[in-house]
Structures are given as C-alpha cells and as structure tokens.
Protein backbone atom coordinates (compact mmCIF):
# COMPACT_ATOMS: atom_id res chain seq x y z
CA UNK A 1 67.29 -21.85 -1.01
CA UNK A 2 65.10 -24.64 -2.37
CA UNK A 3 66.26 -28.22 -1.76
CA UNK A 4 65.84 -30.76 -4.56
CA UNK A 5 65.41 -34.54 -4.45
CA UNK A 6 68.49 -36.66 -5.13
CA UNK A 7 66.69 -38.14 -8.15
CA UNK A 8 67.16 -34.78 -9.95
CA UNK A 9 70.96 -34.76 -9.57
CA UNK A 10 72.87 -35.57 -12.79
CA UNK A 11 69.58 -36.67 -14.32
CA UNK A 12 69.42 -36.43 -18.14
CA UNK A 13 65.64 -35.90 -17.85
CA UNK A 14 66.05 -32.67 -15.82
CA UNK A 15 67.43 -29.55 -17.50
CA UNK A 16 66.59 -26.92 -14.86
CA UNK A 17 65.81 -26.36 -11.19
CA UNK A 18 64.17 -23.42 -9.47
CA UNK A 19 66.15 -22.15 -6.50
CA UNK A 20 63.73 -19.58 -5.02
CA UNK A 21 60.17 -20.67 -5.78
CA UNK A 22 57.22 -18.65 -4.46
CA UNK A 23 53.45 -19.35 -4.27
CA UNK A 24 52.60 -16.40 -6.59
CA UNK A 25 48.88 -16.73 -5.78
CA UNK A 26 48.24 -13.11 -6.82
CA UNK A 27 50.11 -13.34 -10.15
CA UNK A 28 47.80 -13.62 -13.19
CA UNK A 29 50.59 -15.16 -15.27
CA UNK A 30 52.87 -14.42 -18.17
CA UNK A 31 51.21 -12.22 -20.80
CA UNK A 32 48.31 -11.36 -18.49
CA UNK A 33 50.02 -8.88 -16.16
CA UNK A 34 49.12 -5.20 -16.57
CA UNK A 35 47.58 -5.64 -20.01
CA UNK A 36 44.45 -3.60 -19.27
CA UNK A 37 42.25 -6.61 -18.45
CA UNK A 38 41.41 -8.09 -15.08
CA UNK A 39 42.31 -11.74 -14.60
CA UNK A 40 41.04 -13.58 -11.53
CA UNK A 41 43.89 -15.07 -9.51
CA UNK A 42 43.97 -17.69 -6.78
CA UNK A 43 44.56 -14.89 -4.27
CA UNK A 44 41.17 -13.38 -5.17
CA UNK A 45 39.25 -16.65 -5.10
CA UNK A 46 37.94 -18.11 -1.82
CA UNK A 47 35.86 -21.14 -0.94
CA UNK A 48 32.52 -20.16 0.61
CA UNK A 49 33.06 -22.69 3.40
CA UNK A 50 35.70 -23.45 6.02
CA UNK A 51 38.16 -26.32 5.70
CA UNK A 52 35.84 -29.33 5.39
CA UNK A 53 38.26 -31.63 7.22
CA UNK A 54 39.65 -29.26 9.87
CA UNK A 55 42.60 -31.47 10.82
CA UNK A 56 46.22 -30.53 10.36
CA UNK A 57 48.00 -32.85 7.92
CA UNK A 58 49.81 -35.77 9.55
CA UNK A 59 52.61 -35.70 6.98
CA UNK A 60 53.93 -33.69 4.07
CA UNK A 61 55.14 -34.95 0.70
CA UNK A 62 57.08 -32.62 -1.60
CA UNK A 63 57.10 -33.37 -5.31
CA UNK A 64 59.00 -31.49 -7.99
CA UNK A 65 57.58 -30.96 -11.47
CA UNK A 66 60.55 -31.66 -13.70
CA UNK A 67 61.37 -31.85 -17.35
CA UNK A 68 63.83 -31.44 -20.16
CA UNK A 69 62.67 -29.06 -22.89
CA UNK A 70 64.87 -30.44 -25.71
CA UNK A 71 64.16 -34.09 -24.93
CA UNK A 72 60.51 -33.37 -24.27
CA UNK A 73 60.58 -35.39 -21.10
CA UNK A 74 58.26 -34.59 -18.18
CA UNK A 75 58.12 -36.15 -14.74
CA UNK A 76 57.75 -35.83 -10.99
CA UNK A 77 61.15 -35.62 -9.24
CA UNK A 78 62.93 -36.53 -12.49
CA UNK A 79 61.30 -39.98 -12.45
CA UNK A 80 58.91 -40.85 -15.26
CA UNK A 81 55.75 -42.84 -14.59
CA UNK A 82 57.17 -46.19 -15.73
CA UNK A 83 59.91 -46.00 -13.09
CA UNK A 84 57.96 -44.33 -10.27
CA UNK A 85 56.56 -45.96 -7.16
CA UNK A 86 52.95 -45.13 -6.33
CA UNK A 87 52.25 -42.39 -3.82
CA UNK A 88 50.55 -44.29 -0.97
CA UNK A 89 47.98 -42.83 1.40
CA UNK A 90 46.16 -44.53 4.25
CA UNK A 91 42.38 -44.30 4.15
CA UNK A 92 41.25 -41.38 6.33
CA UNK A 93 44.69 -39.76 6.37
CA UNK A 94 45.09 -36.00 6.00
CA UNK A 95 48.25 -35.17 4.03
CA UNK A 96 49.89 -32.02 2.67
CA UNK A 97 51.31 -32.11 -0.84
CA UNK A 98 53.86 -29.44 -1.74
CA UNK A 99 54.54 -29.00 -5.44
CA UNK A 100 57.60 -27.18 -6.78
CA UNK A 101 57.63 -26.34 -10.48
CA UNK A 102 61.23 -26.64 -11.66
CA UNK A 103 60.29 -26.10 -15.31
CA UNK A 104 59.64 -23.08 -17.54
CA UNK A 105 56.08 -24.20 -18.29
CA UNK A 106 52.78 -24.13 -16.42
CA UNK A 107 51.44 -27.48 -15.30
CA UNK A 108 47.80 -27.93 -14.22
CA UNK A 109 48.12 -30.84 -11.77
CA UNK A 110 45.08 -33.06 -11.23
CA UNK A 111 44.59 -35.71 -8.56
CA UNK A 112 41.63 -37.93 -9.45
CA UNK A 113 39.19 -39.07 -6.75
CA UNK A 114 40.26 -36.64 -4.02
CA UNK A 115 39.81 -32.92 -3.43
CA UNK A 116 42.81 -30.59 -3.31
CA UNK A 117 42.45 -27.93 -0.61
CA UNK A 118 44.84 -25.18 -1.70
CA UNK A 119 46.62 -23.32 1.10
CA UNK A 120 47.55 -19.64 1.21
CA UNK A 121 51.11 -18.42 1.90
CA UNK A 122 50.59 -18.93 5.66
CA UNK A 123 49.36 -22.52 5.28
CA UNK A 124 45.68 -21.74 5.89
CA UNK A 125 42.85 -23.35 3.92
CA UNK A 126 42.08 -21.11 0.98
CA UNK A 127 40.34 -22.77 -1.93
CA UNK A 128 39.00 -26.23 -2.82
CA UNK A 129 40.11 -27.37 -6.28
CA UNK A 130 40.17 -30.44 -8.53
CA UNK A 131 43.18 -29.16 -10.47
CA UNK A 132 45.94 -26.91 -9.10
CA UNK A 133 47.69 -24.70 -11.64
CA UNK A 134 51.47 -24.55 -11.21
CA UNK A 135 53.10 -21.66 -13.12
CA UNK A 136 56.87 -21.73 -13.72
CA UNK A 137 58.98 -21.22 -10.60
CA UNK A 138 56.11 -21.66 -8.14
CA UNK A 139 55.83 -23.61 -4.92
CA UNK A 140 52.26 -24.28 -3.78
CA UNK A 141 50.81 -26.54 -1.13
CA UNK A 142 47.47 -28.19 -0.64
CA UNK A 143 45.85 -30.65 1.71
CA UNK A 144 44.30 -33.93 0.67
CA UNK A 145 41.93 -36.14 2.69
CA UNK A 146 42.27 -39.78 1.63
CA UNK A 147 38.55 -40.55 1.70
CA UNK A 148 38.22 -42.66 -1.46
CA UNK A 149 39.78 -46.12 -1.50
CA UNK A 150 41.45 -47.26 -4.69
CA UNK A 151 44.03 -46.46 -7.31
CA UNK A 152 43.91 -42.91 -8.65
CA UNK A 153 45.64 -41.03 -11.46
CA UNK A 154 47.78 -38.02 -10.52
CA UNK A 155 49.08 -36.10 -13.52
CA UNK A 156 49.64 -32.93 -15.46
CA UNK A 157 46.46 -32.04 -17.31
CA UNK A 158 48.44 -31.08 -20.40
CA UNK A 159 48.01 -34.54 -21.85
CA UNK A 160 51.21 -34.47 -23.87
CA UNK A 161 53.09 -33.85 -20.58
CA UNK A 162 51.18 -36.66 -18.92
CA UNK A 163 51.94 -39.06 -21.78
CA UNK A 164 55.61 -38.06 -21.71
CA UNK A 165 55.90 -39.10 -18.04
CA UNK A 166 54.38 -36.46 -15.69
CA UNK A 167 52.04 -39.04 -14.18
CA UNK A 168 51.93 -40.94 -10.90
CA UNK A 169 49.63 -43.49 -9.41
CA UNK A 170 48.12 -42.65 -6.02
CA UNK A 171 46.88 -45.54 -3.90
CA UNK A 172 44.49 -45.02 -1.03
CA UNK A 173 44.64 -48.18 1.09
CA UNK A 174 43.28 -49.36 4.42
C-alpha cells in the first residue's frame, strides 16, 4: 500500500490519492491501447549508452503529484509553489527521485538543467530524458546527477498546471 506525505492529509488542495501505483512503462496510455496503431512506450525505448554516472544514488526523495480537480489546484505533496521549500542538492550528488501521480491526469515533469535517468521496474538505468511523463496512478523513479550549480525550475510541463502550483525550485549548491 502506498504511503503518502503528511502534507496531503486533510488538505483542501488534494482530492484523491493513489493506493497501488505502478510504473506502467509498457502502457501506451488511455485511448491508445489496442486501437490498431502502435505507440512507442518507455518500455520499448532504450538509451544507446550505459548509465553515464554509474554510481548508486546516495539518497531518495519521493514527491507526490497532487491536485484538486474542482478547485483546479496542482502541486507537489499538496504544497503549492508559493509555500514550498526548494529541493536542495549538493553539487556532484547522485540522487533518486520517485514520483507518484495521485491525480487522474498525466503530468509531464521537467527538471531544468539536469538530466533525468529513468529507471526500469528493477531500478536499473533505462532511458535518459529531459521530461518524464507521469500517467495517472503511476510511480516512476529516475536518477539525477547534480552537475550544474544554480537554481533550477522543476515543474509540470502542462503550463496551466505549473501556473496553478505544480512547480518547485531545485537548488544545486556546493
């Protein structure tokens, strides 16, 4: 059973939680399953190179993609950007980010300045991405190497979700 951050409990900005999320790397998505056309999935895609960093992550951060459909509120962990602390990384650090989509919508999540190395279901390096698509009810993980100092945007690439609060600042510091 999926655990949820305390910030989601009794939160008026959160109207649902997924209890059994899965990676669903082989799922083409709603409306694209068994419709007579082939849709490339993350399971079929592979980087043509091995994990460029090679190190195991030193820590893991889990973030939940949250929202309230009627209030049109979107956030990470039920906390909108204005109230959220930055996600802090130390320069050179290798970190795993686990995303859990608690909403009924897909969210393409983009971390500026750093690559996202998507993992397969066993936690192995699978695919290097700039933006990781998060369909409803999914739980996906990727590794990040903090190799670019500065303040970076981390957000849903559906800009109306980003503007409504699904945005965080990431700081890579020495």
